[in-house]
Amino acid sequence: MKSLINFLEAINEFAGRLFSWATVLMVVLICTEVILRYVFNRSLIWMVELEIYLFAFSFLLAAGYSFKHDKHVRVDLFYSNYSERKKAWINLLGGIFFLLPWCVISIIGCLKYANISWRIGEVSQQPGGLPAVYLLKYSIVLGFVLLLIQAIASILQSFLTISSKNELG
């Protein structure tokens, strides 16, 4: 089971490292756009839209990576003081009853809209905008798939922690 967990986590490690570069590209693009706008009094719609795409890629496609490294948002009133086994129970139950269903519902719902967008060849409604809006919509689906993969890894890891023979704190 540990090798399966490692494999699932490796997927998000790769995705997180890859899509973190979207943030770097976004910063370069924003700096370029600011120079164009304020120095040359010119703005390009496709550049503004590409910034939105890159932000979405860096946020959505690195969500599983963030969850893997425990950098996600958590309301931590008591959790940090719990034993490893109690944390594992909370993570297991939260993953099964909240995170897994949310990911599956989101994937199904978003996939419907992404497929429609692809079938009609949806393009930006702005003149000079980007031609493939469906890429942005599919990135939402992929982001939830990556989060689902990490949720499964987290649930399996929690199960291993709970079922281990020695007390972990």
C-alpha atoms as a PDB file:
ATOM      1  CA  MET A   1       0.000   0.000   0.000  1.00  0.00           C
ATOM      2  CA  LYS A   2       2.900   2.323   0.742  1.00  0.00           C
ATOM      3  CA  SER A   3       4.143   2.012  -2.854  1.00  0.00           C
ATOM      4  CA  LEU A   4       0.672   2.998  -4.117  1.00  0.00           C
ATOM      5  CA  ILE A   5       0.675   6.027  -1.818  1.00  0.00           C
ATOM      6  CA  ASN A   6       4.152   6.992  -3.055  1.00  0.00           C
ATOM      7  CA  PHE A   7       3.031   6.633  -6.681  1.00  0.00           C
ATOM      8  CA  LEU A   8      -0.081   8.795  -6.150  1.00  0.00           C
ATOM      9  CA  GLU A   9       1.925  11.426  -4.302  1.00  0.00           C
ATOM     10  CA  ALA A  10       4.580  11.423  -7.038  1.00  0.00           C
ATOM     11  CA  ILE A  11       1.891  12.445  -9.539  1.00  0.00           C
ATOM     12  CA  ASN A  12       1.058  15.534  -7.510  1.00  0.00           C
ATOM     13  CA  GLU A  13       4.697  16.257  -6.764  1.00  0.00           C
ATOM     14  CA  PHE A  14       5.381  16.333 -10.507  1.00  0.00           C
ATOM     15  CA  ALA A  15       2.246  18.384 -11.273  1.00  0.00           C
ATOM     16  CA  GLY A  16       2.979  20.877  -8.503  1.00  0.00           C
ATOM     17  CA  ARG A  17       6.556  21.426  -9.600  1.00  0.00           C
ATOM     18  CA  LEU A  18       5.522  21.704 -13.240  1.00  0.00           C
ATOM     19  CA  PHE A  19       2.619  24.086 -12.776  1.00  0.00           C
ATOM     20  CA  SER A  20       4.439  26.249 -10.248  1.00  0.00           C
ATOM     21  CA  TRP A  21       6.238  27.598 -13.310  1.00  0.00           C
ATOM     22  CA  ALA A  22       2.908  29.061 -14.410  1.00  0.00           C
ATOM     23  CA  THR A  23       3.327  31.563 -11.572  1.00  0.00           C
ATOM     24  CA  VAL A  24       6.734  32.630 -12.868  1.00  0.00           C
ATOM     25  CA  LEU A  25       5.370  33.013 -16.391  1.00  0.00           C
ATOM     26  CA  MET A  26       2.402  34.952 -15.044  1.00  0.00           C
ATOM     27  CA  VAL A  27       4.682  37.409 -13.212  1.00  0.00           C
ATOM     28  CA  VAL A  28       6.762  37.958 -16.359  1.00  0.00           C
ATOM     29  CA  LEU A  29       3.604  38.478 -18.395  1.00  0.00           C
ATOM     30  CA  ILE A  30       2.127  40.925 -15.885  1.00  0.00           C
ATOM     31  CA  CYS A  31       5.363  42.947 -15.828  1.00  0.00           C
ATOM     32  CA  THR A  32       5.362  43.015 -19.624  1.00  0.00           C
ATOM     33  CA  GLU A  33       1.745  44.114 -19.701  1.00  0.00           C
ATOM     34  CA  VAL A  34       2.354  46.890 -17.152  1.00  0.00           C
ATOM     35  CA  ILE A  35       5.255  48.201 -19.246  1.00  0.00           C
ATOM     36  CA  LEU A  36       3.132  48.065 -22.406  1.00  0.00           C
ATOM     37  CA  ARG A  37       0.234  49.821 -20.708  1.00  0.00           C
ATOM     38  CA  TYR A  38       2.038  52.576 -18.849  1.00  0.00           C
ATOM     39  CA  VAL A  39       5.046  53.181 -21.074  1.00  0.00           C
ATOM     40  CA  PHE A  40       3.578  52.545 -24.537  1.00  0.00           C
ATOM     41  CA  ASN A  41      -0.106  53.196 -23.724  1.00  0.00           C
ATOM     42  CA  ARG A  42      -1.040  49.830 -25.234  1.00  0.00           C
ATOM     43  CA  SER A  43      -2.884  46.789 -23.897  1.00  0.00           C
ATOM     44  CA  LEU A  44      -3.342  43.369 -25.472  1.00  0.00           C
ATOM     45  CA  ILE A  45      -6.481  41.405 -24.576  1.00  0.00           C
ATOM     46  CA  TRP A  46      -4.871  38.035 -25.239  1.00  0.00           C
ATOM     47  CA  MET A  47      -2.126  38.906 -22.764  1.00  0.00           C
ATOM     48  CA  VAL A  48      -4.627  39.780 -20.038  1.00  0.00           C
ATOM     49  CA  GLU A  49      -6.528  36.554 -20.697  1.00  0.00           C
ATOM     50  CA  LEU A  50      -3.320  34.523 -20.679  1.00  0.00           C
ATOM     51  CA  GLU A  51      -2.577  35.941 -17.224  1.00  0.00           C
ATOM     52  CA  ILE A  52      -5.943  34.600 -16.069  1.00  0.00           C
ATOM     53  CA  TYR A  53      -5.172  31.180 -17.570  1.00  0.00           C
ATOM     54  CA  LEU A  54      -1.757  31.053 -15.902  1.00  0.00           C
ATOM     55  CA  PHE A  55      -3.244  32.057 -12.556  1.00  0.00           C
ATOM     56  CA  ALA A  56      -5.832  29.297 -12.916  1.00  0.00           C
ATOM     57  CA  PHE A  57      -3.154  26.760 -13.846  1.00  0.00           C
ATOM     58  CA  SER A  58      -0.937  27.688 -10.897  1.00  0.00           C
ATOM     59  CA  PHE A  59      -3.859  27.649  -8.469  1.00  0.00           C
ATOM     60  CA  LEU A  60      -5.969  24.732  -9.686  1.00  0.00           C
ATOM     61  CA  LEU A  61      -3.324  22.336 -10.932  1.00  0.00           C
ATOM     62  CA  ALA A  62      -1.177  22.704  -7.819  1.00  0.00           C
ATOM     63  CA  ALA A  63      -4.019  22.135  -5.323  1.00  0.00           C
ATOM     64  CA  GLY A  64      -3.128  18.462  -4.910  1.00  0.00           C
ATOM     65  CA  TYR A  65       0.525  19.424  -4.411  1.00  0.00           C
ATOM     66  CA  SER A  66      -0.487  21.945  -1.759  1.00  0.00           C
ATOM     67  CA  PHE A  67      -2.622  19.324  -0.016  1.00  0.00           C
ATOM     68  CA  LYS A  68       0.240  16.801  -0.209  1.00  0.00           C
ATOM     69  CA  HIS A  69       2.541  19.208   1.620  1.00  0.00           C
ATOM     70  CA  ASP A  70      -0.160  20.154   4.154  1.00  0.00           C
ATOM     71  CA  LYS A  71      -0.156  23.781   2.962  1.00  0.00           C
ATOM     72  CA  HIS A  72      -3.902  23.932   2.378  1.00  0.00           C
ATOM     73  CA  VAL A  73      -6.292  26.025   4.447  1.00  0.00           C
ATOM     74  CA  ARG A  74      -7.214  24.344   7.713  1.00  0.00           C
ATOM     75  CA  VAL A  75      -9.204  25.690  10.631  1.00  0.00           C
ATOM     76  CA  ASP A  76      -6.889  24.471  13.346  1.00  0.00           C
ATOM     77  CA  LEU A  77      -8.406  24.989  16.762  1.00  0.00           C
ATOM     78  CA  PHE A  78      -7.530  21.615  18.244  1.00  0.00           C
ATOM     79  CA  TYR A  79      -5.948  19.555  15.449  1.00  0.00           C
ATOM     80  CA  SER A  80      -2.311  20.515  16.115  1.00  0.00           C
ATOM     81  CA  ASN A  81      -2.534  19.213  19.696  1.00  0.00           C
ATOM     82  CA  TYR A  82      -3.927  15.803  18.695  1.00  0.00           C
ATOM     83  CA  SER A  83      -1.919  12.596  18.492  1.00  0.00           C
ATOM     84  CA  GLU A  84      -0.901  11.309  15.062  1.00  0.00           C
ATOM     85  CA  ARG A  85      -3.516   8.564  15.304  1.00  0.00           C
ATOM     86  CA  LYS A  86      -6.315  11.031  16.152  1.00  0.00           C
ATOM     87  CA  LYS A  87      -5.210  13.288  13.279  1.00  0.00           C
ATOM     88  CA  ALA A  88      -5.282  10.249  11.005  1.00  0.00           C
ATOM     89  CA  TRP A  89      -8.876   9.498  12.058  1.00  0.00           C
ATOM     90  CA  ILE A  90      -9.921  13.080  11.321  1.00  0.00           C
ATOM     91  CA  ASN A  91      -8.143  13.004   7.956  1.00  0.00           C
ATOM     92  CA  LEU A  92      -9.624   9.605   7.095  1.00  0.00           C
ATOM     93  CA  LEU A  93     -13.212  10.537   7.933  1.00  0.00           C
ATOM     94  CA  GLY A  94     -12.926  14.023   6.443  1.00  0.00           C
ATOM     95  CA  GLY A  95     -11.432  12.586   3.269  1.00  0.00           C
ATOM     96  CA  ILE A  96     -14.059   9.889   2.860  1.00  0.00           C
ATOM     97  CA  PHE A  97     -17.138  11.930   3.774  1.00  0.00           C
ATOM     98  CA  PHE A  98     -16.207  15.382   2.496  1.00  0.00           C
ATOM     99  CA  LEU A  99     -13.182  15.564   0.191  1.00  0.00           C
ATOM    100  CA  LEU A 100     -13.806  12.508  -2.024  1.00  0.00           C
ATOM    101  CA  PRO A 101     -17.482  13.336  -2.688  1.00  0.00           C
ATOM    102  CA  TRP A 102     -16.653  16.997  -3.339  1.00  0.00           C
ATOM    103  CA  CYS A 103     -13.943  16.067  -5.863  1.00  0.00           C
ATOM    104  CA  VAL A 104     -16.186  13.563  -7.667  1.00  0.00           C
ATOM    105  CA  ILE A 105     -19.136  15.978  -7.852  1.00  0.00           C
ATOM    106  CA  SER A 106     -16.845  18.763  -9.066  1.00  0.00           C
ATOM    107  CA  ILE A 107     -15.214  16.561 -11.709  1.00  0.00           C
ATOM    108  CA  ILE A 108     -18.589  15.419 -13.061  1.00  0.00           C
ATOM    109  CA  GLY A 109     -20.065  18.917 -13.072  1.00  0.00           C
ATOM    110  CA  CYS A 110     -17.042  20.665 -14.546  1.00  0.00           C
ATOM    111  CA  LEU A 111     -16.419  17.957 -17.127  1.00  0.00           C
ATOM    112  CA  LYS A 112     -19.898  18.545 -18.534  1.00  0.00           C
ATOM    113  CA  TYR A 113     -19.175  22.227 -19.137  1.00  0.00           C
ATOM    114  CA  ALA A 114     -15.647  21.592 -20.421  1.00  0.00           C
ATOM    115  CA  ASN A 115     -16.956  19.046 -22.943  1.00  0.00           C
ATOM    116  CA  ILE A 116     -19.635  21.447 -24.164  1.00  0.00           C
ATOM    117  CA  SER A 117     -17.030  24.188 -24.510  1.00  0.00           C
ATOM    118  CA  TRP A 118     -14.766  21.871 -26.521  1.00  0.00           C
ATOM    119  CA  ARG A 119     -17.593  20.629 -28.769  1.00  0.00           C
ATOM    120  CA  ILE A 120     -18.688  24.133 -29.727  1.00  0.00           C
ATOM    121  CA  GLY A 121     -15.091  25.336 -30.050  1.00  0.00           C
ATOM    122  CA  GLU A 122     -15.664  28.074 -27.484  1.00  0.00           C
ATOM    123  CA  VAL A 123     -13.420  31.096 -27.923  1.00  0.00           C
ATOM    124  CA  SER A 124     -13.024  34.306 -25.985  1.00  0.00           C
ATOM    125  CA  GLN A 125     -15.830  36.785 -26.464  1.00  0.00           C
ATOM    126  CA  GLN A 126     -13.288  39.602 -26.501  1.00  0.00           C
ATOM    127  CA  PRO A 127     -11.855  40.730 -29.841  1.00  0.00           C
ATOM    128  CA  GLY A 128      -8.240  39.609 -29.866  1.00  0.00           C
ATOM    129  CA  GLY A 129      -8.844  37.156 -27.010  1.00  0.00           C
ATOM    130  CA  LEU A 130      -7.592  33.602 -26.695  1.00  0.00           C
ATOM    131  CA  PRO A 131      -9.069  30.969 -29.007  1.00  0.00           C
ATOM    132  CA  ALA A 132      -9.430  27.990 -26.659  1.00  0.00           C
ATOM    133  CA  VAL A 133     -11.584  28.716 -23.605  1.00  0.00           C
ATOM    134  CA  TYR A 134     -12.133  24.988 -23.157  1.00  0.00           C
ATOM    135  CA  LEU A 135      -8.506  24.639 -22.025  1.00  0.00           C
ATOM    136  CA  LEU A 136      -9.313  26.792 -19.026  1.00  0.00           C
ATOM    137  CA  LYS A 137     -12.412  24.707 -18.291  1.00  0.00           C
ATOM    138  CA  TYR A 138     -10.509  21.432 -18.615  1.00  0.00           C
ATOM    139  CA  SER A 139      -7.892  22.775 -16.209  1.00  0.00           C
ATOM    140  CA  ILE A 140     -10.612  22.929 -13.553  1.00  0.00           C
ATOM    141  CA  VAL A 141     -11.402  19.258 -14.188  1.00  0.00           C
ATOM    142  CA  LEU A 142      -7.724  18.287 -14.112  1.00  0.00           C
ATOM    143  CA  GLY A 143      -7.231  20.255 -10.897  1.00  0.00           C
ATOM    144  CA  PHE A 144      -9.986  18.286  -9.192  1.00  0.00           C
ATOM    145  CA  VAL A 145      -8.606  15.007 -10.587  1.00  0.00           C
ATOM    146  CA  LEU A 146      -5.210  15.818  -9.076  1.00  0.00           C
ATOM    147  CA  LEU A 147      -6.866  16.756  -5.787  1.00  0.00           C
ATOM    148  CA  LEU A 148      -8.820  13.478  -5.882  1.00  0.00           C
ATOM    149  CA  ILE A 149      -5.588  11.535  -6.419  1.00  0.00           C
ATOM    150  CA  GLN A 150      -4.031  13.239  -3.419  1.00  0.00           C
ATOM    151  CA  ALA A 151      -7.181  12.672  -1.359  1.00  0.00           C
ATOM    152  CA  ILE A 152      -6.927   8.941  -2.053  1.00  0.00           C
ATOM    153  CA  ALA A 153      -3.253   8.974  -1.052  1.00  0.00           C
ATOM    154  CA  SER A 154      -4.114  10.850   2.142  1.00  0.00           C
ATOM    155  CA  ILE A 155      -6.914   8.438   3.015  1.00  0.00           C
ATOM    156  CA  LEU A 156      -4.632   5.450   2.449  1.00  0.00           C
ATOM    157  CA  GLN A 157      -1.891   7.060   4.543  1.00  0.00           C
ATOM    158  CA  SER A 158      -4.389   7.749   7.329  1.00  0.00           C
ATOM    159  CA  PHE A 159      -5.519   4.131   7.198  1.00  0.00           C
ATOM    160  CA  LEU A 160      -1.890   2.978   7.491  1.00  0.00           C
ATOM    161  CA  THR A 161      -1.331   5.269  10.469  1.00  0.00           C
ATOM    162  CA  ILE A 162      -4.466   4.048  12.223  1.00  0.00           C
ATOM    163  CA  SER A 163      -3.734   0.390  11.581  1.00  0.00           C
ATOM    164  CA  SER A 164      -0.081   0.533  12.642  1.00  0.00           C
ATOM    165  CA  LYS A 165       0.781  -1.550  15.701  1.00  0.00           C
ATOM    166  CA  ASN A 166       2.750   1.083  17.599  1.00  0.00           C
ATOM    167  CA  GLU A 167       1.174   4.157  19.194  1.00  0.00           C
ATOM    168  CA  LEU A 168       2.226   7.258  17.240  1.00  0.00           C
ATOM    169  CA  GLY A 169       1.727   9.881  19.896  1.00  0.00           C
END
